[in-house]
Amino acid sequence: MPRSRHRQAFASAAHNCPRLCEKKFRWRRPRHTLKGRQIASEVERVGLRLQLRQQQAEAGDIVLLYGDESEALTHPYLARVWAKSGADLRVPAPGQAKKVAMLGSLDHVTRRLIVHTSLTKRSSDFVAHLEQLDHLYGPQPGRPAKPVVLVEDNGPIHTSKLSQAALAARGHWLTVEWLPKYAPELNDIEIVWHDLKAYNLAHQTFADSDALERAIQKAVTDLNQERMPVPLANPRISA
């Protein structure tokens, strides 16, 4: 239905509706929900396991990482901004949008985001991200290593033969906690992807994929600096 007809229909409804009706109803857009697809018992069970994992990570016994993938476009991500009433806000988006995949992990304690960028989103890209985690958290000579728990969903690039072989090769220090289907609310990295796009990449048009990849890496660096724990945030008073 054209927007003008929507307005006419709304005006007509408001005119015919009693004042009590006007107070109880407002013009809203429905949102998607995954509740009907979830298995509630699985969501609850895994949610409790993750709470225990978080406690272990906060006690320093393990490293807890939340992993997931997202995408960014050379065309601008549009986010909410303050503007004068009646202003026509437009961001140029010339040509055809190109996509860059982001494969990342979020450290639960330090809130550090580790991201591997690629023009594709395949099992080989997931393995490349695991190699990043090797360097940061894997056993190294002269460096004490903690057990690492990686939270992932059951996406195809995580469950392929190549990915399963790569995870099995790291089984002596890396354990995977598999999320139930349709439960993004259990993955802490989801809100970080939103922040990265809405605050660090929003309202920008990129010339090509290379420019976008450079912008993503800079945005990740800036976001990590913003989330870096302040050493004197919880000072202890010596006796």
C-alpha atoms as a PDB file:
ATOM      1  CA  MET A   1       0.000   0.000   0.000  1.00  0.00           C
ATOM      2  CA  PRO A   2       1.442   3.472  -0.848  1.00  0.00           C
ATOM      3  CA  ARG A   3       2.536   5.634   2.072  1.00  0.00           C
ATOM      4  CA  SER A   4      -0.198   8.206   1.365  1.00  0.00           C
ATOM      5  CA  ARG A   5      -2.857   5.515   1.725  1.00  0.00           C
ATOM      6  CA  HIS A   6      -1.284   4.353   4.979  1.00  0.00           C
ATOM      7  CA  ARG A   7      -1.582   7.894   6.319  1.00  0.00           C
ATOM      8  CA  GLN A   8      -5.198   8.181   5.176  1.00  0.00           C
ATOM      9  CA  ALA A   9      -6.073   4.846   6.765  1.00  0.00           C
ATOM     10  CA  PHE A  10      -4.387   5.843  10.020  1.00  0.00           C
ATOM     11  CA  ALA A  11      -6.108   9.244  10.059  1.00  0.00           C
ATOM     12  CA  SER A  12      -9.473   7.606   9.427  1.00  0.00           C
ATOM     13  CA  ALA A  13      -8.899   5.067  12.217  1.00  0.00           C
ATOM     14  CA  ALA A  14      -7.844   7.798  14.633  1.00  0.00           C
ATOM     15  CA  HIS A  15     -10.947   9.850  13.761  1.00  0.00           C
ATOM     16  CA  ASN A  16     -13.353   6.942  14.287  1.00  0.00           C
ATOM     17  CA  CYS A  17     -11.610   5.517  17.331  1.00  0.00           C
ATOM     18  CA  PRO A  18     -12.746   6.701  20.786  1.00  0.00           C
ATOM     19  CA  ARG A  19     -10.219   8.472  23.002  1.00  0.00           C
ATOM     20  CA  LEU A  20      -9.752   5.320  25.098  1.00  0.00           C
ATOM     21  CA  CYS A  21      -8.693   3.485  21.934  1.00  0.00           C
ATOM     22  CA  GLU A  22      -6.179   6.224  21.093  1.00  0.00           C
ATOM     23  CA  LYS A  23      -4.473   5.738  24.454  1.00  0.00           C
ATOM     24  CA  LYS A  24      -4.176   1.964  24.164  1.00  0.00           C
ATOM     25  CA  PHE A  25      -3.039   1.678  20.536  1.00  0.00           C
ATOM     26  CA  ARG A  26      -0.254   3.216  18.505  1.00  0.00           C
ATOM     27  CA  TRP A  27       1.165   2.818  15.010  1.00  0.00           C
ATOM     28  CA  ARG A  28       3.906   0.173  15.229  1.00  0.00           C
ATOM     29  CA  ARG A  29       5.945  -2.108  12.984  1.00  0.00           C
ATOM     30  CA  PRO A  30       6.053  -5.805  13.943  1.00  0.00           C
ATOM     31  CA  ARG A  31       9.428  -7.497  14.495  1.00  0.00           C
ATOM     32  CA  HIS A  32      10.651 -10.960  13.646  1.00  0.00           C
ATOM     33  CA  THR A  33      10.964 -13.486  16.455  1.00  0.00           C
ATOM     34  CA  LEU A  34      12.730 -16.843  16.643  1.00  0.00           C
ATOM     35  CA  LYS A  35      10.863 -18.040  19.742  1.00  0.00           C
ATOM     36  CA  GLY A  36       8.648 -20.401  17.777  1.00  0.00           C
ATOM     37  CA  ARG A  37      11.675 -22.169  16.300  1.00  0.00           C
ATOM     38  CA  GLN A  38      13.608 -22.604  19.532  1.00  0.00           C
ATOM     39  CA  ILE A  39      13.652 -25.654  21.764  1.00  0.00           C
ATOM     40  CA  ALA A  40      13.132 -23.974  25.127  1.00  0.00           C
ATOM     41  CA  SER A  41      14.754 -26.752  27.183  1.00  0.00           C
ATOM     42  CA  GLU A  42      17.918 -26.622  25.034  1.00  0.00           C
ATOM     43  CA  VAL A  43      18.145 -22.836  25.285  1.00  0.00           C
ATOM     44  CA  GLU A  44      17.774 -23.024  29.063  1.00  0.00           C
ATOM     45  CA  ARG A  45      20.314 -25.846  29.425  1.00  0.00           C
ATOM     46  CA  VAL A  46      22.983 -24.152  27.315  1.00  0.00           C
ATOM     47  CA  GLY A  47      22.267 -20.810  28.974  1.00  0.00           C
ATOM     48  CA  LEU A  48      23.028 -22.331  32.386  1.00  0.00           C
ATOM     49  CA  ARG A  49      26.229 -23.940  31.047  1.00  0.00           C
ATOM     50  CA  LEU A  50      27.372 -20.594  29.689  1.00  0.00           C
ATOM     51  CA  GLN A  51      26.755 -18.942  33.053  1.00  0.00           C
ATOM     52  CA  LEU A  52      29.096 -21.498  34.629  1.00  0.00           C
ATOM     53  CA  ARG A  53      31.651 -20.917  31.871  1.00  0.00           C
ATOM     54  CA  GLN A  54      31.479 -17.184  32.501  1.00  0.00           C
ATOM     55  CA  GLN A  55      32.161 -17.727  36.190  1.00  0.00           C
ATOM     56  CA  GLN A  56      35.164 -19.901  35.311  1.00  0.00           C
ATOM     57  CA  ALA A  57      36.494 -17.226  32.958  1.00  0.00           C
ATOM     58  CA  GLU A  58      36.021 -14.441  35.508  1.00  0.00           C
ATOM     59  CA  ALA A  59      37.875 -16.562  38.072  1.00  0.00           C
ATOM     60  CA  GLY A  60      40.804 -16.889  35.643  1.00  0.00           C
ATOM     61  CA  ASP A  61      40.449 -20.649  35.131  1.00  0.00           C
ATOM     62  CA  ILE A  62      39.640 -20.525  31.395  1.00  0.00           C
ATOM     63  CA  VAL A  63      39.446 -18.154  28.445  1.00  0.00           C
ATOM     64  CA  LEU A  64      35.878 -17.848  27.167  1.00  0.00           C
ATOM     65  CA  LEU A  65      35.404 -16.697  23.566  1.00  0.00           C
ATOM     66  CA  TYR A  66      32.130 -16.017  21.769  1.00  0.00           C
ATOM     67  CA  GLY A  67      32.488 -16.622  18.021  1.00  0.00           C
ATOM     68  CA  ASP A  68      30.300 -15.641  15.096  1.00  0.00           C
ATOM     69  CA  GLU A  69      30.312 -14.134  11.604  1.00  0.00           C
ATOM     70  CA  SER A  70      28.884 -10.940  10.200  1.00  0.00           C
ATOM     71  CA  GLU A  71      29.140  -8.834   7.038  1.00  0.00           C
ATOM     72  CA  ALA A  72      29.814  -5.240   6.069  1.00  0.00           C
ATOM     73  CA  LEU A  73      28.990  -3.486   2.804  1.00  0.00           C
ATOM     74  CA  THR A  74      30.754  -0.799   0.796  1.00  0.00           C
ATOM     75  CA  HIS A  75      27.381   0.961   0.788  1.00  0.00           C
ATOM     76  CA  PRO A  76      26.781   2.755   4.085  1.00  0.00           C
ATOM     77  CA  TYR A  77      25.190   1.149   7.117  1.00  0.00           C
ATOM     78  CA  LEU A  78      22.404   3.531   8.149  1.00  0.00           C
ATOM     79  CA  ALA A  79      21.986   4.135  11.871  1.00  0.00           C
ATOM     80  CA  ARG A  80      19.846   6.520  13.889  1.00  0.00           C
ATOM     81  CA  VAL A  81      21.224  10.062  14.290  1.00  0.00           C
ATOM     82  CA  TRP A  82      19.990  13.348  15.724  1.00  0.00           C
ATOM     83  CA  ALA A  83      18.738  15.758  13.061  1.00  0.00           C
ATOM     84  CA  LYS A  84      16.544  18.816  12.749  1.00  0.00           C
ATOM     85  CA  SER A  85      12.851  18.114  12.312  1.00  0.00           C
ATOM     86  CA  GLY A  86      11.961  17.869   8.643  1.00  0.00           C
ATOM     87  CA  ALA A  87      15.580  17.410   7.513  1.00  0.00           C
ATOM     88  CA  ASP A  88      16.049  15.037   4.585  1.00  0.00           C
ATOM     89  CA  LEU A  89      18.984  12.822   5.544  1.00  0.00           C
ATOM     90  CA  ARG A  90      20.618  11.037   2.629  1.00  0.00           C
ATOM     91  CA  VAL A  91      23.949   9.238   2.303  1.00  0.00           C
ATOM     92  CA  PRO A  92      25.328   8.626  -1.210  1.00  0.00           C
ATOM     93  CA  ALA A  93      25.563   4.983  -2.274  1.00  0.00           C
ATOM     94  CA  PRO A  94      26.878   4.881  -5.854  1.00  0.00           C
ATOM     95  CA  GLY A  95      27.331   1.712  -7.883  1.00  0.00           C
ATOM     96  CA  GLN A  96      26.746  -1.850  -6.702  1.00  0.00           C
ATOM     97  CA  ALA A  97      27.461  -2.745  -3.081  1.00  0.00           C
ATOM     98  CA  LYS A  98      30.335  -5.136  -2.374  1.00  0.00           C
ATOM     99  CA  LYS A  99      30.476  -7.338   0.686  1.00  0.00           C
ATOM    100  CA  VAL A 100      33.255  -8.166   3.164  1.00  0.00           C
ATOM    101  CA  ALA A 101      32.797 -11.026   5.628  1.00  0.00           C
ATOM    102  CA  MET A 102      33.910 -10.651   9.235  1.00  0.00           C
ATOM    103  CA  LEU A 103      34.739 -13.792  11.232  1.00  0.00           C
ATOM    104  CA  GLY A 104      35.314 -12.915  14.856  1.00  0.00           C
ATOM    105  CA  SER A 105      35.640 -13.945  18.482  1.00  0.00           C
ATOM    106  CA  LEU A 106      34.922 -11.876  21.592  1.00  0.00           C
ATOM    107  CA  ASP A 107      36.886 -12.442  24.800  1.00  0.00           C
ATOM    108  CA  HIS A 108      34.329 -12.507  27.618  1.00  0.00           C
ATOM    109  CA  VAL A 109      36.663 -11.031  30.262  1.00  0.00           C
ATOM    110  CA  THR A 110      38.796  -8.510  28.365  1.00  0.00           C
ATOM    111  CA  ARG A 111      36.014  -7.683  25.843  1.00  0.00           C
ATOM    112  CA  ARG A 112      38.636  -7.816  23.099  1.00  0.00           C
ATOM    113  CA  LEU A 113      37.289  -8.442  19.601  1.00  0.00           C
ATOM    114  CA  ILE A 114      39.441 -10.501  17.220  1.00  0.00           C
ATOM    115  CA  VAL A 115      38.372 -10.297  13.566  1.00  0.00           C
ATOM    116  CA  HIS A 116      39.464 -11.965  10.349  1.00  0.00           C
ATOM    117  CA  THR A 117      38.157 -10.307   7.174  1.00  0.00           C
ATOM    118  CA  SER A 118      37.593 -12.042   3.856  1.00  0.00           C
ATOM    119  CA  LEU A 119      35.687 -11.624   0.615  1.00  0.00           C
ATOM    120  CA  THR A 120      34.165 -15.059   1.247  1.00  0.00           C
ATOM    121  CA  LYS A 121      32.592 -16.793   4.212  1.00  0.00           C
ATOM    122  CA  ARG A 122      33.809 -20.374   3.888  1.00  0.00           C
ATOM    123  CA  SER A 123      35.272 -23.095   6.069  1.00  0.00           C
ATOM    124  CA  SER A 124      38.777 -22.057   4.964  1.00  0.00           C
ATOM    125  CA  ASP A 125      38.076 -18.561   6.305  1.00  0.00           C
ATOM    126  CA  PHE A 126      36.968 -20.026   9.645  1.00  0.00           C
ATOM    127  CA  VAL A 127      40.211 -22.022   9.791  1.00  0.00           C
ATOM    128  CA  ALA A 128      42.139 -18.811   9.104  1.00  0.00           C
ATOM    129  CA  HIS A 129      40.395 -17.251  12.096  1.00  0.00           C
ATOM    130  CA  LEU A 130      41.329 -20.273  14.226  1.00  0.00           C
ATOM    131  CA  GLU A 131      44.946 -19.601  13.261  1.00  0.00           C
ATOM    132  CA  GLN A 132      44.518 -16.112  14.712  1.00  0.00           C
ATOM    133  CA  LEU A 133      43.389 -17.708  17.966  1.00  0.00           C
ATOM    134  CA  ASP A 134      46.422 -20.046  17.819  1.00  0.00           C
ATOM    135  CA  HIS A 135      48.707 -17.034  17.943  1.00  0.00           C
ATOM    136  CA  LEU A 136      46.811 -15.294  20.744  1.00  0.00           C
ATOM    137  CA  TYR A 137      45.699 -18.155  23.006  1.00  0.00           C
ATOM    138  CA  GLY A 138      47.345 -21.391  21.847  1.00  0.00           C
ATOM    139  CA  PRO A 139      50.268 -23.057  23.622  1.00  0.00           C
ATOM    140  CA  GLN A 140      53.521 -21.190  23.003  1.00  0.00           C
ATOM    141  CA  PRO A 141      57.036 -21.835  24.395  1.00  0.00           C
ATOM    142  CA  GLY A 142      57.539 -19.868  27.583  1.00  0.00           C
ATOM    143  CA  ARG A 143      53.903 -18.756  27.808  1.00  0.00           C
ATOM    144  CA  PRO A 144      51.444 -20.360  30.226  1.00  0.00           C
ATOM    145  CA  ALA A 145      48.287 -21.366  28.380  1.00  0.00           C
ATOM    146  CA  LYS A 146      44.789 -21.553  29.791  1.00  0.00           C
ATOM    147  CA  PRO A 147      42.111 -23.871  28.414  1.00  0.00           C
ATOM    148  CA  VAL A 148      40.035 -21.990  25.843  1.00  0.00           C
ATOM    149  CA  VAL A 149      36.278 -22.465  25.397  1.00  0.00           C
ATOM    150  CA  LEU A 150      34.876 -21.232  22.078  1.00  0.00           C
ATOM    151  CA  VAL A 151      31.112 -20.676  21.805  1.00  0.00           C
ATOM    152  CA  GLU A 152      29.814 -21.248  18.274  1.00  0.00           C
ATOM    153  CA  ASP A 153      26.553 -21.952  16.484  1.00  0.00           C
ATOM    154  CA  ASN A 154      25.951 -24.938  14.216  1.00  0.00           C
ATOM    155  CA  GLY A 155      26.480 -23.020  10.990  1.00  0.00           C
ATOM    156  CA  PRO A 156      27.760 -24.949   7.955  1.00  0.00           C
ATOM    157  CA  ILE A 157      31.217 -23.376   8.026  1.00  0.00           C
ATOM    158  CA  HIS A 158      31.679 -24.581  11.631  1.00  0.00           C
ATOM    159  CA  THR A 159      30.449 -28.142  11.075  1.00  0.00           C
ATOM    160  CA  SER A 160      32.126 -28.921   7.735  1.00  0.00           C
ATOM    161  CA  LYS A 161      34.799 -31.641   7.525  1.00  0.00           C
ATOM    162  CA  LEU A 162      37.569 -29.057   7.154  1.00  0.00           C
ATOM    163  CA  SER A 163      36.423 -27.065  10.198  1.00  0.00           C
ATOM    164  CA  GLN A 164      35.851 -30.158  12.342  1.00  0.00           C
ATOM    165  CA  ALA A 165      39.354 -31.408  11.506  1.00  0.00           C
ATOM    166  CA  ALA A 166      40.838 -28.018  12.436  1.00  0.00           C
ATOM    167  CA  LEU A 167      38.941 -27.986  15.747  1.00  0.00           C
ATOM    168  CA  ALA A 168      39.970 -31.571  16.511  1.00  0.00           C
ATOM    169  CA  ALA A 169      43.638 -30.676  15.907  1.00  0.00           C
ATOM    170  CA  ARG A 170      43.303 -28.034  18.637  1.00  0.00           C
ATOM    171  CA  GLY A 171      41.380 -30.269  21.015  1.00  0.00           C
ATOM    172  CA  HIS A 172      44.222 -30.339  23.555  1.00  0.00           C
ATOM    173  CA  TRP A 173      43.620 -26.658  24.404  1.00  0.00           C
ATOM    174  CA  LEU A 174      40.376 -25.606  22.646  1.00  0.00           C
ATOM    175  CA  THR A 175      36.864 -26.821  23.538  1.00  0.00           C
ATOM    176  CA  VAL A 176      33.734 -25.849  21.621  1.00  0.00           C
ATOM    177  CA  GLU A 177      30.424 -25.085  23.310  1.00  0.00           C
ATOM    178  CA  TRP A 178      27.757 -25.512  20.639  1.00  0.00           C
ATOM    179  CA  LEU A 179      24.760 -23.198  20.786  1.00  0.00           C
ATOM    180  CA  PRO A 180      21.244 -24.529  20.161  1.00  0.00           C
ATOM    181  CA  LYS A 181      19.543 -23.539  16.924  1.00  0.00           C
ATOM    182  CA  TYR A 182      17.970 -20.099  16.644  1.00  0.00           C
ATOM    183  CA  ALA A 183      19.407 -18.742  19.901  1.00  0.00           C
ATOM    184  CA  PRO A 184      21.488 -15.646  19.010  1.00  0.00           C
ATOM    185  CA  GLU A 185      20.608 -14.103  22.385  1.00  0.00           C
ATOM    186  CA  LEU A 186      23.068 -16.531  24.009  1.00  0.00           C
ATOM    187  CA  ASN A 187      25.970 -15.205  21.946  1.00  0.00           C
ATOM    188  CA  ASP A 188      27.537 -12.061  23.448  1.00  0.00           C
ATOM    189  CA  ILE A 189      29.280 -11.117  20.204  1.00  0.00           C
ATOM    190  CA  GLU A 190      25.976 -10.270  18.495  1.00  0.00           C
ATOM    191  CA  ILE A 191      25.646  -6.902  20.254  1.00  0.00           C
ATOM    192  CA  VAL A 192      29.289  -6.121  19.467  1.00  0.00           C
ATOM    193  CA  TRP A 193      28.669  -6.623  15.746  1.00  0.00           C
ATOM    194  CA  HIS A 194      25.791  -4.142  16.059  1.00  0.00           C
ATOM    195  CA  ASP A 195      27.979  -1.591  17.862  1.00  0.00           C
ATOM    196  CA  LEU A 196      30.752  -1.969  15.296  1.00  0.00           C
ATOM    197  CA  LYS A 197      28.386  -1.200  12.425  1.00  0.00           C
ATOM    198  CA  ALA A 198      26.197   1.401  14.137  1.00  0.00           C
ATOM    199  CA  TYR A 199      28.959   3.485  15.737  1.00  0.00           C
ATOM    200  CA  ASN A 200      32.220   2.766  13.886  1.00  0.00           C
ATOM    201  CA  LEU A 201      31.158   2.026  10.291  1.00  0.00           C
ATOM    202  CA  ALA A 202      27.848   3.882   9.978  1.00  0.00           C
ATOM    203  CA  HIS A 203      27.079   6.488   7.298  1.00  0.00           C
ATOM    204  CA  GLN A 204      30.279   5.870   5.324  1.00  0.00           C
ATOM    205  CA  THR A 205      30.597   4.919   1.676  1.00  0.00           C
ATOM    206  CA  PHE A 206      33.707   2.929   0.730  1.00  0.00           C
ATOM    207  CA  ALA A 207      35.316   3.009  -2.699  1.00  0.00           C
ATOM    208  CA  ASP A 208      36.015  -0.729  -2.838  1.00  0.00           C
ATOM    209  CA  SER A 209      36.455  -3.875  -0.760  1.00  0.00           C
ATOM    210  CA  ASP A 210      40.052  -3.010   0.152  1.00  0.00           C
ATOM    211  CA  ALA A 211      38.991   0.340   1.599  1.00  0.00           C
ATOM    212  CA  LEU A 212      36.231  -1.375   3.538  1.00  0.00           C
ATOM    213  CA  GLU A 213      38.629  -3.994   4.963  1.00  0.00           C
ATOM    214  CA  ARG A 214      40.988  -1.243   6.150  1.00  0.00           C
ATOM    215  CA  ALA A 215      38.060   0.588   7.746  1.00  0.00           C
ATOM    216  CA  ILE A 216      36.921  -2.610   9.506  1.00  0.00           C
ATOM    217  CA  GLN A 217      40.371  -3.234  11.006  1.00  0.00           C
ATOM    218  CA  LYS A 218      40.584   0.382  12.196  1.00  0.00           C
ATOM    219  CA  ALA A 219      37.065   0.165  13.616  1.00  0.00           C
ATOM    220  CA  VAL A 220      37.969  -3.023  15.511  1.00  0.00           C
ATOM    221  CA  THR A 221      41.095  -1.352  16.923  1.00  0.00           C
ATOM    222  CA  ASP A 222      39.097   1.710  18.008  1.00  0.00           C
ATOM    223  CA  LEU A 223      36.366  -0.452  19.544  1.00  0.00           C
ATOM    224  CA  ASN A 224      38.902  -2.516  21.484  1.00  0.00           C
ATOM    225  CA  GLN A 225      40.537   0.623  22.844  1.00  0.00           C
ATOM    226  CA  GLU A 226      37.162   1.924  23.990  1.00  0.00           C
ATOM    227  CA  ARG A 227      36.384  -1.382  25.755  1.00  0.00           C
ATOM    228  CA  MET A 228      39.837  -1.815  27.296  1.00  0.00           C
ATOM    229  CA  PRO A 229      39.536  -2.263  31.090  1.00  0.00           C
ATOM    230  CA  VAL A 230      40.824   0.707  33.099  1.00  0.00           C
ATOM    231  CA  PRO A 231      43.570  -0.509  35.529  1.00  0.00           C
ATOM    232  CA  LEU A 232      42.525   1.923  38.285  1.00  0.00           C
ATOM    233  CA  ALA A 233      38.784   1.362  37.904  1.00  0.00           C
ATOM    234  CA  ASN A 234      38.706  -0.839  41.044  1.00  0.00           C
ATOM    235  CA  PRO A 235      41.564   0.383  43.264  1.00  0.00           C
ATOM    236  CA  ARG A 236      42.402  -1.642  46.349  1.00  0.00           C
ATOM    237  CA  ILE A 237      43.272   0.077  49.598  1.00  0.00           C
ATOM    238  CA  SER A 238      46.236  -1.558  51.268  1.00  0.00           C
ATOM    239  CA  ALA A 239      46.014  -2.208  54.991  1.00  0.00           C
END
